[in-house]
Amino acid sequence: MFKRKSSSQQPEQHSVFDRYVKVTKPGIIMGNLISVAGGYFLAARGDIDWLIMLVTIIGLSLVVASGCAINNCVDRDIDAKMQRTRNRVTVTGEMSLKAALAHGLVLGVVGFGLLAYFTNPVAVFFAAFGYFVYVVLYTLYFKRNSVYGTLIGSLSGAVPPVVGYCAVTGQFDAGAAILLVMFSIWQMPHSYAIAIFRYKDYAAAGIPVLPVAEGIQKAKHHIVLWIAAFGIATAMLPLTGYVGVGFMAVAASTSLWWLYMALKGYRKDIDVNRWARQVFFFSIITVTALSVTMSLDFRAVGPDYLVMLAR
């Protein structure tokens, strides 16, 4: 899809509209849409207010876009050192720092405004929590200074389905907690796989992700352990009565296959970069499958089902 430019070629020039879109990292925004919808459908249990769902998706997308634009402003120096980010509009100078920052702030105000007006304080709180973690904790400090940056960033990456869920319920209950844990854990092997096949980029920028800071072998161990933990976390949704057997079947099969793929990384003759890309791509398949399945296989009674069984 994308053609690699030779070092002698000038970076592609973008239209004004394209610049304002690209600075928001649209790939990340699109990746979050299905998890927001999944959380919403899970909580709604078939009683869907389409307007609230649409506004929740749009509002949170604008909040995510705002955080990404500000991240691009802060990361201009390290982005210039990485092959995959050196042509970002904030690095090439196509978009000024002032314009990118203003764009990000406006998107944030509009996004939070929509969520505040149409949803509820709990949904807004988690949107703000994710924004703070990503922009302040992760971008400004942990990404550059700590091997725990991935763990901190995983909290912000897990917020979208929680916001979708809480937009319906107006409370942080067991279902929301499971989603937060489940999607936080998913971020870890997903991110470590990226860090392995983008090892040279992270090393060149001096970003202390686990493979760079402590070695690829240790990162392999962590990938396996986090995927195993993810499998346990996904089982909590059906075990607590939020979803049914269909979700359990999809969760078990995808988690086990993902774990099998991760374990293949211990082979002596393995192509590490190819293996890491496979683990990464299957992580996308896994989270998409689970988001879709929990949208369709919700339980009408939720955790009250367990209370009934206990009587």
Protein backbone atom coordinates (compact mmCIF):
# COMPACT_ATOMS: atom_id res chain seq x y z
CA MET A 1 0.00 0.00 0.00
CA PHE A 2 2.77 2.39 0.93
CA LYS A 3 5.80 2.85 -1.29
CA ARG A 4 9.14 3.24 0.41
CA LYS A 5 10.89 6.46 -0.56
CA SER A 6 14.58 6.49 -1.35
CA SER A 7 16.77 8.74 0.76
CA SER A 8 17.17 11.08 -2.21
CA GLN A 9 13.45 11.72 -2.55
CA GLN A 10 11.74 14.58 -0.85
CA PRO A 11 8.99 13.74 1.66
CA GLU A 12 5.50 13.69 0.15
CA GLN A 13 3.74 17.04 0.36
CA HIS A 14 0.25 16.92 1.84
CA SER A 15 -2.74 19.18 1.37
CA VAL A 16 -3.82 21.35 4.28
CA PHE A 17 -6.70 18.97 5.01
CA ASP A 18 -4.40 15.94 4.92
CA ARG A 19 -2.00 17.60 7.34
CA TYR A 20 -4.73 18.21 9.89
CA VAL A 21 -5.91 14.61 9.54
CA LYS A 22 -2.49 12.95 9.63
CA VAL A 23 -1.35 14.79 12.75
CA THR A 24 -4.17 13.07 14.65
CA LYS A 25 -2.89 9.55 13.80
CA PRO A 26 -6.10 8.34 12.10
CA GLY A 27 -4.96 4.71 12.27
CA ILE A 28 -5.06 4.81 16.06
CA ILE A 29 -8.47 6.50 16.01
CA MET A 30 -9.94 3.86 13.70
CA GLY A 31 -8.44 1.12 15.82
CA ASN A 32 -10.33 2.41 18.86
CA LEU A 33 -13.75 2.72 17.22
CA ILE A 34 -14.67 -0.96 17.34
CA SER A 35 -13.70 -1.30 21.02
CA VAL A 36 -15.82 1.75 21.95
CA ALA A 37 -18.78 0.23 20.13
CA GLY A 38 -18.10 -3.15 21.71
CA GLY A 39 -18.21 -1.68 25.21
CA TYR A 40 -21.39 0.24 24.39
CA PHE A 41 -23.23 -2.77 22.93
CA LEU A 42 -22.14 -4.97 25.82
CA ALA A 43 -23.61 -2.56 28.37
CA ALA A 44 -26.73 -1.74 26.33
CA ARG A 45 -27.73 -5.41 26.06
CA GLY A 46 -29.89 -4.80 23.02
CA ASP A 47 -31.51 -1.57 24.25
CA ILE A 48 -29.49 0.79 22.07
CA ASP A 49 -29.79 4.56 21.97
CA TRP A 50 -28.18 5.12 18.58
CA LEU A 51 -27.74 8.87 19.09
CA ILE A 52 -25.84 8.41 22.36
CA MET A 53 -23.73 5.65 20.84
CA LEU A 54 -22.85 7.80 17.82
CA VAL A 55 -21.99 10.81 19.96
CA THR A 56 -19.91 8.66 22.30
CA ILE A 57 -17.90 7.30 19.37
CA ILE A 58 -17.44 10.74 17.82
CA GLY A 59 -16.66 12.44 21.12
CA LEU A 60 -14.09 9.89 22.19
CA SER A 61 -12.55 9.83 18.70
CA LEU A 62 -12.01 13.59 18.95
CA VAL A 63 -10.44 13.17 22.39
CA VAL A 64 -8.10 10.48 21.06
CA ALA A 65 -7.28 12.68 18.05
CA SER A 66 -6.47 15.54 20.40
CA GLY A 67 -4.08 13.43 22.45
CA CYS A 68 -2.36 12.12 19.30
CA ALA A 69 -1.90 15.63 17.88
CA ILE A 70 -0.32 16.83 21.11
CA ASN A 71 1.82 13.68 21.21
CA ASN A 72 3.11 14.55 17.74
CA CYS A 73 4.05 18.01 18.96
CA VAL A 74 6.00 16.68 21.93
CA ASP A 75 7.67 13.83 20.04
CA ARG A 76 9.02 15.80 17.10
CA ASP A 77 12.61 15.26 18.19
CA ILE A 78 12.43 11.49 18.58
CA ASP A 79 10.10 11.07 15.59
CA ALA A 80 12.83 12.59 13.41
CA LYS A 81 15.16 9.72 14.40
CA MET A 82 12.75 6.91 13.53
CA GLN A 83 12.28 5.51 10.03
CA ARG A 84 8.53 5.11 10.32
CA THR A 85 7.85 8.56 11.82
CA ARG A 86 10.42 10.83 10.22
CA ASN A 87 7.96 12.01 7.55
CA ARG A 88 5.27 13.11 9.98
CA VAL A 89 4.03 16.61 9.21
CA THR A 90 5.32 17.95 12.52
CA VAL A 91 8.79 16.62 11.73
CA THR A 92 9.02 17.78 8.11
CA GLY A 93 7.77 21.24 9.01
CA GLU A 94 4.66 20.98 6.83
CA MET A 95 2.64 21.75 9.96
CA SER A 96 3.91 24.16 12.57
CA LEU A 97 4.01 23.31 16.25
CA LYS A 98 1.57 26.15 16.95
CA ALA A 99 -0.96 24.89 14.38
CA ALA A 100 -0.73 21.26 15.52
CA LEU A 101 -1.08 22.21 19.18
CA ALA A 102 -4.05 24.50 18.51
CA HIS A 103 -5.68 21.80 16.42
CA GLY A 104 -5.22 19.27 19.21
CA LEU A 105 -6.65 21.58 21.86
CA VAL A 106 -9.71 22.42 19.77
CA LEU A 107 -10.40 18.75 19.11
CA GLY A 108 -10.09 18.02 22.82
CA VAL A 109 -12.50 20.77 23.83
CA VAL A 110 -15.10 19.64 21.28
CA GLY A 111 -14.68 15.97 22.15
CA PHE A 112 -14.97 16.44 25.89
CA GLY A 113 -17.85 18.86 25.34
CA LEU A 114 -19.82 16.25 23.40
CA LEU A 115 -19.18 13.58 26.01
CA ALA A 116 -20.08 15.91 28.87
CA TYR A 117 -23.33 17.03 27.26
CA PHE A 118 -24.61 13.72 25.91
CA THR A 119 -23.22 11.03 28.23
CA ASN A 120 -22.50 11.13 31.97
CA PRO A 121 -19.78 12.09 34.47
CA VAL A 122 -18.37 8.56 34.73
CA ALA A 123 -17.81 8.27 30.98
CA VAL A 124 -16.25 11.74 30.92
CA PHE A 125 -14.02 10.86 33.87
CA PHE A 126 -12.56 7.82 32.12
CA ALA A 127 -12.06 9.76 28.90
CA ALA A 128 -10.19 12.39 30.92
CA PHE A 129 -8.26 9.69 32.78
CA GLY A 130 -7.10 8.12 29.53
CA TYR A 131 -6.20 11.52 28.11
CA PHE A 132 -4.15 12.45 31.18
CA VAL A 133 -2.31 9.13 31.21
CA TYR A 134 -1.44 9.33 27.51
CA VAL A 135 -0.58 13.02 27.18
CA VAL A 136 0.96 13.76 30.57
CA LEU A 137 2.28 10.56 32.12
CA TYR A 138 3.19 8.57 29.02
CA THR A 139 4.14 11.21 26.43
CA LEU A 140 5.88 13.70 28.69
CA TYR A 141 7.76 11.29 30.93
CA PHE A 142 7.45 7.50 30.89
CA LYS A 143 7.87 6.93 27.14
CA ARG A 144 11.29 8.60 27.21
CA ASN A 145 12.53 7.64 30.64
CA SER A 146 11.22 4.29 31.80
CA VAL A 147 10.87 0.71 30.65
CA TYR A 148 7.44 0.89 32.31
CA GLY A 149 6.22 3.32 29.68
CA THR A 150 4.38 0.53 27.87
CA LEU A 151 2.55 -0.45 31.06
CA ILE A 152 1.52 3.15 31.76
CA GLY A 153 0.43 3.65 28.17
CA SER A 154 -1.66 0.48 28.27
CA LEU A 155 -4.05 2.15 30.71
CA SER A 156 -4.91 4.87 28.22
CA GLY A 157 -5.26 2.31 25.43
CA ALA A 158 -7.82 0.40 27.51
CA VAL A 159 -10.09 3.40 28.11
CA PRO A 160 -12.21 3.40 24.88
CA PRO A 161 -14.32 0.29 25.63
CA VAL A 162 -14.75 1.48 29.22
CA VAL A 163 -16.04 4.86 28.03
CA GLY A 164 -18.44 3.11 25.66
CA TYR A 165 -19.65 0.87 28.48
CA CYS A 166 -20.01 3.65 31.05
CA ALA A 167 -21.84 5.87 28.55
CA VAL A 168 -24.68 3.36 28.95
CA THR A 169 -24.47 2.39 32.61
CA GLY A 170 -23.31 5.64 34.19
CA GLN A 171 -21.26 3.63 36.69
CA PHE A 172 -17.99 1.77 36.98
CA ASP A 173 -19.11 -1.75 37.81
CA ALA A 174 -17.55 -5.20 37.49
CA GLY A 175 -18.13 -5.26 33.73
CA ALA A 176 -16.26 -1.99 33.23
CA ALA A 177 -13.44 -3.17 35.50
CA ILE A 178 -13.03 -6.39 33.50
CA LEU A 179 -12.91 -4.42 30.24
CA LEU A 180 -10.26 -2.10 31.68
CA VAL A 181 -8.09 -5.01 32.84
CA MET A 182 -8.67 -7.05 29.70
CA PHE A 183 -7.79 -4.31 27.23
CA SER A 184 -4.86 -3.09 29.35
CA ILE A 185 -3.32 -6.55 29.34
CA TRP A 186 -3.92 -6.90 25.59
CA GLN A 187 -1.84 -3.77 24.97
CA MET A 188 1.28 -5.31 26.48
CA PRO A 189 2.12 -8.19 24.08
CA HIS A 190 0.74 -6.09 21.21
CA SER A 191 3.16 -3.25 22.02
CA TYR A 192 6.15 -5.47 22.77
CA ALA A 193 5.72 -7.19 19.40
CA ILE A 194 5.84 -3.78 17.70
CA ALA A 195 8.92 -2.86 19.70
CA ILE A 196 10.69 -6.00 18.50
CA PHE A 197 10.13 -5.55 14.77
CA ARG A 198 10.72 -1.80 15.16
CA TYR A 199 13.75 -2.38 17.37
CA LYS A 200 16.13 -0.23 15.29
CA ASP A 201 13.72 2.71 15.35
CA TYR A 202 13.30 2.63 19.13
CA ALA A 203 17.02 2.16 19.69
CA ALA A 204 17.87 5.08 17.38
CA ALA A 205 15.45 7.33 19.26
CA GLY A 206 16.67 6.15 22.66
CA ILE A 207 13.23 4.98 23.77
CA PRO A 208 13.65 2.42 26.60
CA VAL A 209 11.03 -0.12 25.53
CA LEU A 210 11.59 -3.58 26.98
CA PRO A 211 13.34 -5.20 23.96
CA VAL A 212 15.79 -2.28 23.74
CA ALA A 213 16.32 -1.79 27.47
CA GLU A 214 16.46 -5.42 28.61
CA GLY A 215 16.73 -7.54 25.49
CA ILE A 216 14.50 -9.31 22.99
CA GLN A 217 14.65 -12.61 24.88
CA LYS A 218 13.13 -11.04 27.98
CA ALA A 219 10.51 -9.38 25.80
CA LYS A 220 9.59 -12.83 24.46
CA HIS A 221 9.04 -14.08 28.01
CA HIS A 222 6.82 -11.11 28.78
CA ILE A 223 4.80 -11.56 25.60
CA VAL A 224 4.00 -15.16 26.54
CA LEU A 225 3.09 -14.27 30.13
CA TRP A 226 0.91 -11.32 29.15
CA ILE A 227 -0.98 -13.36 26.56
CA ALA A 228 -1.64 -16.05 29.18
CA ALA A 229 -2.91 -13.36 31.55
CA PHE A 230 -5.06 -11.94 28.77
CA GLY A 231 -6.70 -15.33 28.26
CA ILE A 232 -7.61 -15.46 31.95
CA ALA A 233 -8.94 -11.89 31.89
CA THR A 234 -11.20 -12.54 28.89
CA ALA A 235 -12.71 -15.54 30.68
CA MET A 236 -13.97 -13.23 33.43
CA LEU A 237 -16.68 -11.73 31.19
CA PRO A 238 -18.53 -15.03 30.65
CA LEU A 239 -17.78 -16.29 34.16
CA THR A 240 -19.45 -13.22 35.67
CA GLY A 241 -22.46 -13.49 33.41
CA TYR A 242 -21.91 -10.56 31.08
CA VAL A 243 -21.56 -12.66 27.92
CA GLY A 244 -22.37 -16.19 26.86
CA VAL A 245 -20.84 -19.36 25.52
CA GLY A 246 -20.19 -17.84 22.09
CA PHE A 247 -17.86 -15.24 23.52
CA MET A 248 -16.14 -17.85 25.67
CA ALA A 249 -15.49 -20.00 22.60
CA VAL A 250 -14.05 -17.11 20.60
CA ALA A 251 -11.99 -15.86 23.56
CA ALA A 252 -10.56 -19.30 24.30
CA SER A 253 -9.70 -20.11 20.68
CA THR A 254 -8.10 -16.75 19.88
CA SER A 255 -6.16 -16.58 23.15
CA LEU A 256 -4.83 -20.12 22.80
CA TRP A 257 -3.80 -19.60 19.20
CA TRP A 258 -2.16 -16.27 20.07
CA LEU A 259 -0.29 -18.02 22.89
CA TYR A 260 0.79 -20.79 20.52
CA MET A 261 2.14 -18.18 18.10
CA ALA A 262 4.00 -16.48 20.93
CA LEU A 263 5.60 -19.73 22.08
CA LYS A 264 6.94 -20.30 18.56
CA GLY A 265 9.24 -17.36 19.26
CA TYR A 266 11.48 -19.67 21.30
CA ARG A 267 12.50 -21.69 18.26
CA LYS A 268 16.20 -21.35 17.53
CA ASP A 269 15.70 -20.89 13.80
CA ILE A 270 12.92 -18.31 14.13
CA ASP A 271 12.98 -15.10 12.10
CA VAL A 272 12.37 -12.76 15.03
CA ASN A 273 11.05 -9.82 13.02
CA ARG A 274 8.66 -11.99 11.02
CA TRP A 275 7.50 -13.73 14.19
CA ALA A 276 6.90 -10.41 15.98
CA ARG A 277 4.85 -9.11 13.04
CA GLN A 278 2.73 -12.25 13.14
CA VAL A 279 2.13 -11.83 16.88
CA PHE A 280 1.24 -8.18 16.29
CA PHE A 281 -1.19 -8.84 13.44
CA PHE A 282 -2.92 -11.63 15.33
CA SER A 283 -3.33 -9.29 18.30
CA ILE A 284 -5.44 -7.07 16.01
CA ILE A 285 -7.52 -10.05 14.90
CA THR A 286 -8.00 -11.11 18.52
CA VAL A 287 -9.18 -7.79 19.89
CA THR A 288 -11.45 -7.22 16.87
CA ALA A 289 -13.03 -10.65 17.21
CA LEU A 290 -13.66 -10.15 20.93
CA SER A 291 -15.08 -6.66 20.47
CA VAL A 292 -17.51 -7.91 17.82
CA THR A 293 -18.46 -11.02 19.79
CA MET A 294 -19.20 -9.16 23.02
CA SER A 295 -21.41 -6.81 20.99
CA LEU A 296 -23.50 -9.77 19.87
CA ASP A 297 -23.28 -12.32 22.68
CA PHE A 298 -24.22 -10.14 25.64
CA ARG A 299 -26.33 -11.57 28.44
CA ALA A 300 -29.63 -9.84 29.17
CA VAL A 301 -29.20 -10.37 32.90
CA GLY A 302 -25.50 -9.64 33.39
CA PRO A 303 -24.03 -10.27 36.85
CA ASP A 304 -27.52 -10.55 38.40
CA TYR A 305 -27.49 -14.03 36.90
CA LEU A 306 -24.88 -15.05 39.44
CA VAL A 307 -26.99 -13.73 42.29
CA MET A 308 -29.95 -15.78 41.05
CA LEU A 309 -27.81 -18.91 40.89
CA ALA A 310 -26.54 -18.33 44.42
CA ARG A 311 -30.04 -18.36 45.88
